[in-house]
mmCIF file of all heavy atoms, coordinates in Angstrom:
data_MODEL
# 
_entry.id   MODEL 
# 
loop_
_atom_site.group_PDB 
_atom_site.id 
_atom_site.type_symbol 
_atom_site.label_atom_id 
_atom_site.label_alt_id 
_atom_site.label_comp_id 
_atom_site.label_asym_id 
_atom_site.label_entity_id 
_atom_site.label_seq_id 
_atom_site.pdbx_PDB_ins_code 
_atom_site.Cartn_x 
_atom_site.Cartn_y 
_atom_site.Cartn_z 
_atom_site.occupancy 
_atom_site.B_iso_or_equiv 
_atom_site.pdbx_formal_charge 
_atom_site.auth_seq_id 
_atom_site.auth_comp_id 
_atom_site.auth_asym_id 
_atom_site.auth_atom_id 
_atom_site.pdbx_PDB_model_num 
ATOM 1   N N   . HIS A 1 1  ? -18.422 -130.756 -275.456 1.00 0.00 ? 1  HIS A N   1 
ATOM 2   C CA  . HIS A 1 1  ? -18.516 -132.150 -275.024 1.00 0.00 ? 1  HIS A CA  1 
ATOM 3   C C   . HIS A 1 1  ? -19.951 -132.669 -275.024 1.00 0.00 ? 1  HIS A C   1 
ATOM 4   O O   . HIS A 1 1  ? -20.202 -133.790 -275.425 1.00 0.00 ? 1  HIS A O   1 
ATOM 5   C CB  . HIS A 1 1  ? -17.933 -132.326 -273.629 1.00 0.00 ? 1  HIS A CB  1 
ATOM 6   C CG  . HIS A 1 1  ? -16.467 -132.104 -273.554 1.00 0.00 ? 1  HIS A CG  1 
ATOM 7   N ND1 . HIS A 1 1  ? -15.808 -131.091 -274.190 1.00 0.00 ? 1  HIS A ND1 1 
ATOM 8   C CD2 . HIS A 1 1  ? -15.503 -132.780 -272.910 1.00 0.00 ? 1  HIS A CD2 1 
ATOM 9   C CE1 . HIS A 1 1  ? -14.525 -131.145 -273.944 1.00 0.00 ? 1  HIS A CE1 1 
ATOM 10  N NE2 . HIS A 1 1  ? -14.304 -132.172 -273.160 1.00 0.00 ? 1  HIS A NE2 1 
ATOM 11  N N   . THR A 1 2  ? -20.853 -131.844 -274.510 1.00 0.00 ? 2  THR A N   1 
ATOM 12  C CA  . THR A 1 2  ? -22.256 -132.267 -274.417 1.00 0.00 ? 2  THR A CA  1 
ATOM 13  C C   . THR A 1 2  ? -23.175 -131.168 -274.919 1.00 0.00 ? 2  THR A C   1 
ATOM 14  O O   . THR A 1 2  ? -22.866 -129.983 -274.828 1.00 0.00 ? 2  THR A O   1 
ATOM 15  C CB  . THR A 1 2  ? -22.658 -132.619 -272.969 1.00 0.00 ? 2  THR A CB  1 
ATOM 16  O OG1 . THR A 1 2  ? -22.401 -131.506 -272.132 1.00 0.00 ? 2  THR A OG1 1 
ATOM 17  C CG2 . THR A 1 2  ? -21.922 -133.830 -272.467 1.00 0.00 ? 2  THR A CG2 1 
ATOM 18  N N   . LEU A 1 3  ? -24.298 -131.597 -275.441 1.00 0.00 ? 3  LEU A N   1 
ATOM 19  C CA  . LEU A 1 3  ? -25.337 -130.688 -275.920 1.00 0.00 ? 3  LEU A CA  1 
ATOM 20  C C   . LEU A 1 3  ? -26.555 -130.916 -275.035 1.00 0.00 ? 3  LEU A C   1 
ATOM 21  O O   . LEU A 1 3  ? -27.021 -132.038 -274.896 1.00 0.00 ? 3  LEU A O   1 
ATOM 22  C CB  . LEU A 1 3  ? -25.667 -130.994 -277.383 1.00 0.00 ? 3  LEU A CB  1 
ATOM 23  C CG  . LEU A 1 3  ? -26.773 -130.161 -278.015 1.00 0.00 ? 3  LEU A CG  1 
ATOM 24  C CD1 . LEU A 1 3  ? -26.350 -128.703 -278.099 1.00 0.00 ? 3  LEU A CD1 1 
ATOM 25  C CD2 . LEU A 1 3  ? -27.103 -130.696 -279.392 1.00 0.00 ? 3  LEU A CD2 1 
ATOM 26  N N   . HIS A 1 4  ? -27.039 -129.849 -274.408 1.00 0.00 ? 4  HIS A N   1 
ATOM 27  C CA  . HIS A 1 4  ? -28.213 -129.932 -273.548 1.00 0.00 ? 4  HIS A CA  1 
ATOM 28  C C   . HIS A 1 4  ? -29.410 -129.388 -274.313 1.00 0.00 ? 4  HIS A C   1 
ATOM 29  O O   . HIS A 1 4  ? -29.379 -128.255 -274.789 1.00 0.00 ? 4  HIS A O   1 
ATOM 30  C CB  . HIS A 1 4  ? -28.003 -129.135 -272.262 1.00 0.00 ? 4  HIS A CB  1 
ATOM 31  C CG  . HIS A 1 4  ? -26.824 -129.604 -271.479 1.00 0.00 ? 4  HIS A CG  1 
ATOM 32  N ND1 . HIS A 1 4  ? -26.857 -130.733 -270.704 1.00 0.00 ? 4  HIS A ND1 1 
ATOM 33  C CD2 . HIS A 1 4  ? -25.574 -129.116 -271.375 1.00 0.00 ? 4  HIS A CD2 1 
ATOM 34  C CE1 . HIS A 1 4  ? -25.671 -130.910 -270.149 1.00 0.00 ? 4  HIS A CE1 1 
ATOM 35  N NE2 . HIS A 1 4  ? -24.870 -129.940 -270.552 1.00 0.00 ? 4  HIS A NE2 1 
ATOM 36  N N   . VAL A 1 5  ? -30.443 -130.189 -274.437 1.00 0.00 ? 5  VAL A N   1 
ATOM 37  C CA  . VAL A 1 5  ? -31.666 -129.786 -275.129 1.00 0.00 ? 5  VAL A CA  1 
ATOM 38  C C   . VAL A 1 5  ? -32.765 -129.737 -274.082 1.00 0.00 ? 5  VAL A C   1 
ATOM 39  O O   . VAL A 1 5  ? -32.996 -130.715 -273.372 1.00 0.00 ? 5  VAL A O   1 
ATOM 40  C CB  . VAL A 1 5  ? -32.032 -130.785 -276.248 1.00 0.00 ? 5  VAL A CB  1 
ATOM 41  C CG1 . VAL A 1 5  ? -33.280 -130.338 -276.975 1.00 0.00 ? 5  VAL A CG1 1 
ATOM 42  C CG2 . VAL A 1 5  ? -30.866 -130.940 -277.227 1.00 0.00 ? 5  VAL A CG2 1 
ATOM 43  N N   . ALA A 1 6  ? -33.435 -128.581 -273.976 1.00 0.00 ? 6  ALA A N   1 
ATOM 44  C CA  . ALA A 1 6  ? -34.469 -128.421 -272.955 1.00 0.00 ? 6  ALA A CA  1 
ATOM 45  C C   . ALA A 1 6  ? -35.702 -127.761 -273.554 1.00 0.00 ? 6  ALA A C   1 
ATOM 46  O O   . ALA A 1 6  ? -35.652 -127.184 -274.632 1.00 0.00 ? 6  ALA A O   1 
ATOM 47  C CB  . ALA A 1 6  ? -33.935 -127.573 -271.802 1.00 0.00 ? 6  ALA A CB  1 
ATOM 48  N N   . GLY A 1 7  ? -36.801 -127.867 -272.839 1.00 0.00 ? 7  GLY A N   1 
ATOM 49  C CA  . GLY A 1 7  ? -38.032 -127.209 -273.249 1.00 0.00 ? 7  GLY A CA  1 
ATOM 50  C C   . GLY A 1 7  ? -38.825 -127.955 -274.297 1.00 0.00 ? 7  GLY A C   1 
ATOM 51  O O   . GLY A 1 7  ? -39.650 -127.373 -274.984 1.00 0.00 ? 7  GLY A O   1 
ATOM 52  N N   . MET A 1 8  ? -38.573 -129.244 -274.425 1.00 0.00 ? 8  MET A N   1 
ATOM 53  C CA  . MET A 1 8  ? -39.289 -130.024 -275.428 1.00 0.00 ? 8  MET A CA  1 
ATOM 54  C C   . MET A 1 8  ? -40.707 -130.316 -274.934 1.00 0.00 ? 8  MET A C   1 
ATOM 55  O O   . MET A 1 8  ? -40.907 -130.670 -273.788 1.00 0.00 ? 8  MET A O   1 
ATOM 56  C CB  . MET A 1 8  ? -38.550 -131.332 -275.704 1.00 0.00 ? 8  MET A CB  1 
ATOM 57  C CG  . MET A 1 8  ? -37.191 -131.118 -276.301 1.00 0.00 ? 8  MET A CG  1 
ATOM 58  S SD  . MET A 1 8  ? -36.318 -132.656 -276.587 1.00 0.00 ? 8  MET A SD  1 
ATOM 59  C CE  . MET A 1 8  ? -35.969 -133.184 -274.930 1.00 0.00 ? 8  MET A CE  1 
ATOM 60  N N   . VAL A 1 9  ? -41.663 -130.132 -275.810 1.00 0.00 ? 9  VAL A N   1 
ATOM 61  C CA  . VAL A 1 9  ? -43.062 -130.402 -275.478 1.00 0.00 ? 9  VAL A CA  1 
ATOM 62  C C   . VAL A 1 9  ? -43.694 -131.203 -276.601 1.00 0.00 ? 9  VAL A C   1 
ATOM 63  O O   . VAL A 1 9  ? -43.133 -131.352 -277.674 1.00 0.00 ? 9  VAL A O   1 
ATOM 64  C CB  . VAL A 1 9  ? -43.864 -129.091 -275.270 1.00 0.00 ? 9  VAL A CB  1 
ATOM 65  C CG1 . VAL A 1 9  ? -43.348 -128.332 -274.074 1.00 0.00 ? 9  VAL A CG1 1 
ATOM 66  C CG2 . VAL A 1 9  ? -43.816 -128.219 -276.504 1.00 0.00 ? 9  VAL A CG2 1 
ATOM 67  N N   . GLY A 1 10 ? -44.879 -131.686 -276.362 1.00 0.00 ? 10 GLY A N   1 
ATOM 68  C CA  . GLY A 1 10 ? -45.621 -132.335 -277.434 1.00 0.00 ? 10 GLY A CA  1 
ATOM 69  C C   . GLY A 1 10 ? -45.187 -133.751 -277.741 1.00 0.00 ? 10 GLY A C   1 
ATOM 70  O O   . GLY A 1 10 ? -45.323 -134.213 -278.859 1.00 0.00 ? 10 GLY A O   1 
ATOM 71  N N   . GLY A 1 11 ? -44.641 -134.454 -276.760 1.00 0.00 ? 11 GLY A N   1 
ATOM 72  C CA  . GLY A 1 11 ? -44.321 -135.854 -276.977 1.00 0.00 ? 11 GLY A CA  1 
ATOM 73  C C   . GLY A 1 11 ? -43.101 -136.105 -277.836 1.00 0.00 ? 11 GLY A C   1 
ATOM 74  O O   . GLY A 1 11 ? -43.088 -137.032 -278.637 1.00 0.00 ? 11 GLY A O   1 
ATOM 75  N N   . VAL A 1 12 ? -42.037 -135.295 -277.702 1.00 0.00 ? 12 VAL A N   1 
ATOM 76  C CA  . VAL A 1 12 ? -40.798 -135.558 -278.438 1.00 0.00 ? 12 VAL A CA  1 
ATOM 77  C C   . VAL A 1 12 ? -40.236 -136.889 -277.961 1.00 0.00 ? 12 VAL A C   1 
ATOM 78  O O   . VAL A 1 12 ? -40.104 -137.123 -276.765 1.00 0.00 ? 12 VAL A O   1 
ATOM 79  C CB  . VAL A 1 12 ? -39.766 -134.427 -278.229 1.00 0.00 ? 12 VAL A CB  1 
ATOM 80  C CG1 . VAL A 1 12 ? -38.430 -134.796 -278.836 1.00 0.00 ? 12 VAL A CG1 1 
ATOM 81  C CG2 . VAL A 1 12 ? -40.278 -133.133 -278.833 1.00 0.00 ? 12 VAL A CG2 1 
ATOM 82  N N   . THR A 1 13 ? -39.944 -137.777 -278.894 1.00 0.00 ? 13 THR A N   1 
ATOM 83  C CA  . THR A 1 13 ? -39.489 -139.106 -278.512 1.00 0.00 ? 13 THR A CA  1 
ATOM 84  C C   . THR A 1 13 ? -38.057 -139.407 -278.935 1.00 0.00 ? 13 THR A C   1 
ATOM 85  O O   . THR A 1 13 ? -37.431 -140.281 -278.369 1.00 0.00 ? 13 THR A O   1 
ATOM 86  C CB  . THR A 1 13 ? -40.414 -140.183 -279.116 1.00 0.00 ? 13 THR A CB  1 
ATOM 87  O OG1 . THR A 1 13 ? -40.422 -140.041 -280.536 1.00 0.00 ? 13 THR A OG1 1 
ATOM 88  C CG2 . THR A 1 13 ? -41.814 -140.062 -278.575 1.00 0.00 ? 13 THR A CG2 1 
ATOM 89  N N   . HIS A 1 14 ? -37.532 -138.703 -279.942 1.00 0.00 ? 14 HIS A N   1 
ATOM 90  C CA  . HIS A 1 14 ? -36.178 -138.960 -280.428 1.00 0.00 ? 14 HIS A CA  1 
ATOM 91  C C   . HIS A 1 14 ? -35.511 -137.648 -280.824 1.00 0.00 ? 14 HIS A C   1 
ATOM 92  O O   . HIS A 1 14 ? -36.160 -136.743 -281.345 1.00 0.00 ? 14 HIS A O   1 
ATOM 93  C CB  . HIS A 1 14 ? -36.187 -139.877 -281.650 1.00 0.00 ? 14 HIS A CB  1 
ATOM 94  C CG  . HIS A 1 14 ? -36.624 -141.254 -281.331 1.00 0.00 ? 14 HIS A CG  1 
ATOM 95  N ND1 . HIS A 1 14 ? -37.921 -141.649 -281.395 1.00 0.00 ? 14 HIS A ND1 1 
ATOM 96  C CD2 . HIS A 1 14 ? -35.922 -142.337 -280.923 1.00 0.00 ? 14 HIS A CD2 1 
ATOM 97  C CE1 . HIS A 1 14 ? -38.016 -142.913 -281.055 1.00 0.00 ? 14 HIS A CE1 1 
ATOM 98  N NE2 . HIS A 1 14 ? -36.816 -143.360 -280.762 1.00 0.00 ? 14 HIS A NE2 1 
ATOM 99  N N   . ILE A 1 15 ? -34.207 -137.593 -280.614 1.00 0.00 ? 15 ILE A N   1 
ATOM 100 C CA  . ILE A 1 15 ? -33.397 -136.464 -281.068 1.00 0.00 ? 15 ILE A CA  1 
ATOM 101 C C   . ILE A 1 15 ? -32.280 -137.037 -281.918 1.00 0.00 ? 15 ILE A C   1 
ATOM 102 O O   . ILE A 1 15 ? -31.618 -138.006 -281.534 1.00 0.00 ? 15 ILE A O   1 
ATOM 103 C CB  . ILE A 1 15 ? -32.812 -135.678 -279.893 1.00 0.00 ? 15 ILE A CB  1 
ATOM 104 C CG1 . ILE A 1 15 ? -33.943 -135.014 -279.103 1.00 0.00 ? 15 ILE A CG1 1 
ATOM 105 C CG2 . ILE A 1 15 ? -31.822 -134.641 -280.383 1.00 0.00 ? 15 ILE A CG2 1 
ATOM 106 C CD1 . ILE A 1 15 ? -33.462 -134.255 -277.906 1.00 0.00 ? 15 ILE A CD1 1 
ATOM 107 N N   . THR A 1 16 ? -32.054 -136.425 -283.078 1.00 0.00 ? 16 THR A N   1 
ATOM 108 C CA  . THR A 1 16 ? -30.998 -136.853 -283.986 1.00 0.00 ? 16 THR A CA  1 
ATOM 109 C C   . THR A 1 16 ? -30.147 -135.647 -284.355 1.00 0.00 ? 16 THR A C   1 
ATOM 110 O O   . THR A 1 16 ? -30.669 -134.549 -284.560 1.00 0.00 ? 16 THR A O   1 
ATOM 111 C CB  . THR A 1 16 ? -31.589 -137.468 -285.267 1.00 0.00 ? 16 THR A CB  1 
ATOM 112 O OG1 . THR A 1 16 ? -32.489 -138.517 -284.899 1.00 0.00 ? 16 THR A OG1 1 
ATOM 113 C CG2 . THR A 1 16 ? -30.504 -138.049 -286.155 1.00 0.00 ? 16 THR A CG2 1 
ATOM 114 N N   . VAL A 1 17 ? -28.839 -135.839 -284.446 1.00 0.00 ? 17 VAL A N   1 
ATOM 115 C CA  . VAL A 1 17 ? -27.909 -134.792 -284.869 1.00 0.00 ? 17 VAL A CA  1 
ATOM 116 C C   . VAL A 1 17 ? -27.533 -135.053 -286.324 1.00 0.00 ? 17 VAL A C   1 
ATOM 117 O O   . VAL A 1 17 ? -27.172 -136.174 -286.691 1.00 0.00 ? 17 VAL A O   1 
ATOM 118 C CB  . VAL A 1 17 ? -26.654 -134.777 -283.983 1.00 0.00 ? 17 VAL A CB  1 
ATOM 119 C CG1 . VAL A 1 17 ? -25.629 -133.775 -284.502 1.00 0.00 ? 17 VAL A CG1 1 
ATOM 120 C CG2 . VAL A 1 17 ? -27.021 -134.469 -282.535 1.00 0.00 ? 17 VAL A CG2 1 
ATOM 121 N N   . TYR A 1 18 ? -27.626 -134.000 -287.141 1.00 0.00 ? 18 TYR A N   1 
ATOM 122 C CA  . TYR A 1 18 ? -27.301 -134.086 -288.571 1.00 0.00 ? 18 TYR A CA  1 
ATOM 123 C C   . TYR A 1 18 ? -26.187 -133.110 -288.910 1.00 0.00 ? 18 TYR A C   1 
ATOM 124 O O   . TYR A 1 18 ? -26.106 -132.020 -288.333 1.00 0.00 ? 18 TYR A O   1 
ATOM 125 C CB  . TYR A 1 18 ? -28.521 -133.715 -289.422 1.00 0.00 ? 18 TYR A CB  1 
ATOM 126 C CG  . TYR A 1 18 ? -29.685 -134.657 -289.258 1.00 0.00 ? 18 TYR A CG  1 
ATOM 127 C CD1 . TYR A 1 18 ? -30.688 -134.381 -288.345 1.00 0.00 ? 18 TYR A CD1 1 
ATOM 128 C CD2 . TYR A 1 18 ? -29.783 -135.811 -290.021 1.00 0.00 ? 18 TYR A CD2 1 
ATOM 129 C CE1 . TYR A 1 18 ? -31.763 -135.240 -288.182 1.00 0.00 ? 18 TYR A CE1 1 
ATOM 130 C CE2 . TYR A 1 18 ? -30.854 -136.680 -289.874 1.00 0.00 ? 18 TYR A CE2 1 
ATOM 131 C CZ  . TYR A 1 18 ? -31.842 -136.385 -288.958 1.00 0.00 ? 18 TYR A CZ  1 
ATOM 132 O OH  . TYR A 1 18 ? -32.900 -137.241 -288.802 1.00 0.00 ? 18 TYR A OH  1 
ATOM 133 N N   . ASN A 1 19 ? -25.346 -133.480 -289.884 1.00 0.00 ? 19 ASN A N   1 
ATOM 134 C CA  . ASN A 1 19 ? -24.357 -132.529 -290.392 1.00 0.00 ? 19 ASN A CA  1 
ATOM 135 C C   . ASN A 1 19 ? -25.033 -131.617 -291.419 1.00 0.00 ? 19 ASN A C   1 
ATOM 136 O O   . ASN A 1 19 ? -26.223 -131.768 -291.703 1.00 0.00 ? 19 ASN A O   1 
ATOM 137 C CB  . ASN A 1 19 ? -23.126 -133.246 -290.970 1.00 0.00 ? 19 ASN A CB  1 
ATOM 138 C CG  . ASN A 1 19 ? -23.433 -134.097 -292.181 1.00 0.00 ? 19 ASN A CG  1 
ATOM 139 O OD1 . ASN A 1 19 ? -24.468 -133.974 -292.841 1.00 0.00 ? 19 ASN A OD1 1 
ATOM 140 N ND2 . ASN A 1 19 ? -22.500 -134.987 -292.506 1.00 0.00 ? 19 ASN A ND2 1 
ATOM 141 N N   . VAL A 1 20 ? -24.284 -130.685 -291.987 1.00 0.00 ? 20 VAL A N   1 
ATOM 142 C CA  . VAL A 1 20 ? -24.881 -129.726 -292.924 1.00 0.00 ? 20 VAL A CA  1 
ATOM 143 C C   . VAL A 1 20 ? -25.315 -130.369 -294.241 1.00 0.00 ? 20 VAL A C   1 
ATOM 144 O O   . VAL A 1 20 ? -26.055 -129.763 -295.005 1.00 0.00 ? 20 VAL A O   1 
ATOM 145 C CB  . VAL A 1 20 ? -23.937 -128.527 -293.200 1.00 0.00 ? 20 VAL A CB  1 
ATOM 146 C CG1 . VAL A 1 20 ? -23.755 -127.695 -291.948 1.00 0.00 ? 20 VAL A CG1 1 
ATOM 147 C CG2 . VAL A 1 20 ? -22.602 -128.986 -293.745 1.00 0.00 ? 20 VAL A CG2 1 
ATOM 148 N N   . LEU A 1 21 ? -24.886 -131.606 -294.485 1.00 0.00 ? 21 LEU A N   1 
ATOM 149 C CA  . LEU A 1 21 ? -25.311 -132.325 -295.683 1.00 0.00 ? 21 LEU A CA  1 
ATOM 150 C C   . LEU A 1 21 ? -26.586 -133.131 -295.433 1.00 0.00 ? 21 LEU A C   1 
ATOM 151 O O   . LEU A 1 21 ? -27.092 -133.792 -296.333 1.00 0.00 ? 21 LEU A O   1 
ATOM 152 C CB  . LEU A 1 21 ? -24.199 -133.268 -296.164 1.00 0.00 ? 21 LEU A CB  1 
ATOM 153 C CG  . LEU A 1 21 ? -22.887 -132.592 -296.557 1.00 0.00 ? 21 LEU A CG  1 
ATOM 154 C CD1 . LEU A 1 21 ? -21.836 -133.633 -296.896 1.00 0.00 ? 21 LEU A CD1 1 
ATOM 155 C CD2 . LEU A 1 21 ? -23.106 -131.632 -297.696 1.00 0.00 ? 21 LEU A CD2 1 
ATOM 156 N N   . GLY A 1 22 ? -27.089 -133.092 -294.195 1.00 0.00 ? 22 GLY A N   1 
ATOM 157 C CA  . GLY A 1 22 ? -28.303 -133.818 -293.855 1.00 0.00 ? 22 GLY A CA  1 
ATOM 158 C C   . GLY A 1 22 ? -28.074 -135.264 -293.464 1.00 0.00 ? 22 GLY A C   1 
ATOM 159 O O   . GLY A 1 22 ? -29.022 -136.037 -293.351 1.00 0.00 ? 22 GLY A O   1 
ATOM 160 N N   . GLN A 1 23 ? -26.826 -135.640 -293.219 1.00 0.00 ? 23 GLN A N   1 
ATOM 161 C CA  . GLN A 1 23 ? -26.509 -137.012 -292.825 1.00 0.00 ? 23 GLN A CA  1 
ATOM 162 C C   . GLN A 1 23 ? -26.568 -137.147 -291.306 1.00 0.00 ? 23 GLN A C   1 
ATOM 163 O O   . GLN A 1 23 ? -26.000 -136.319 -290.583 1.00 0.00 ? 23 GLN A O   1 
ATOM 164 C CB  . GLN A 1 23 ? -25.101 -137.379 -293.301 1.00 0.00 ? 23 GLN A CB  1 
ATOM 165 C CG  . GLN A 1 23 ? -24.937 -137.293 -294.799 1.00 0.00 ? 23 GLN A CG  1 
ATOM 166 C CD  . GLN A 1 23 ? -23.482 -137.311 -295.221 1.00 0.00 ? 23 GLN A CD  1 
ATOM 167 O OE1 . GLN A 1 23 ? -22.631 -136.683 -294.598 1.00 0.00 ? 23 GLN A OE1 1 
ATOM 168 N NE2 . GLN A 1 23 ? -23.196 -138.037 -296.302 1.00 0.00 ? 23 GLN A NE2 1 
ATOM 169 N N   . ALA A 1 24 ? -27.257 -138.187 -290.825 1.00 0.00 ? 24 ALA A N   1 
ATOM 170 C CA  . ALA A 1 24 ? -27.311 -138.440 -289.383 1.00 0.00 ? 24 ALA A CA  1 
ATOM 171 C C   . ALA A 1 24 ? -25.904 -138.748 -288.881 1.00 0.00 ? 24 ALA A C   1 
ATOM 172 O O   . ALA A 1 24 ? -25.175 -139.529 -289.486 1.00 0.00 ? 24 ALA A O   1 
ATOM 173 C CB  . ALA A 1 24 ? -28.252 -139.589 -289.089 1.00 0.00 ? 24 ALA A CB  1 
# 
């Protein structure tokens, strides 16, 4: 249902999910 992303450093501003073909 949900994906938790943690430990980001260095000014991460956006997260995008892509399929295996590289499509957002």
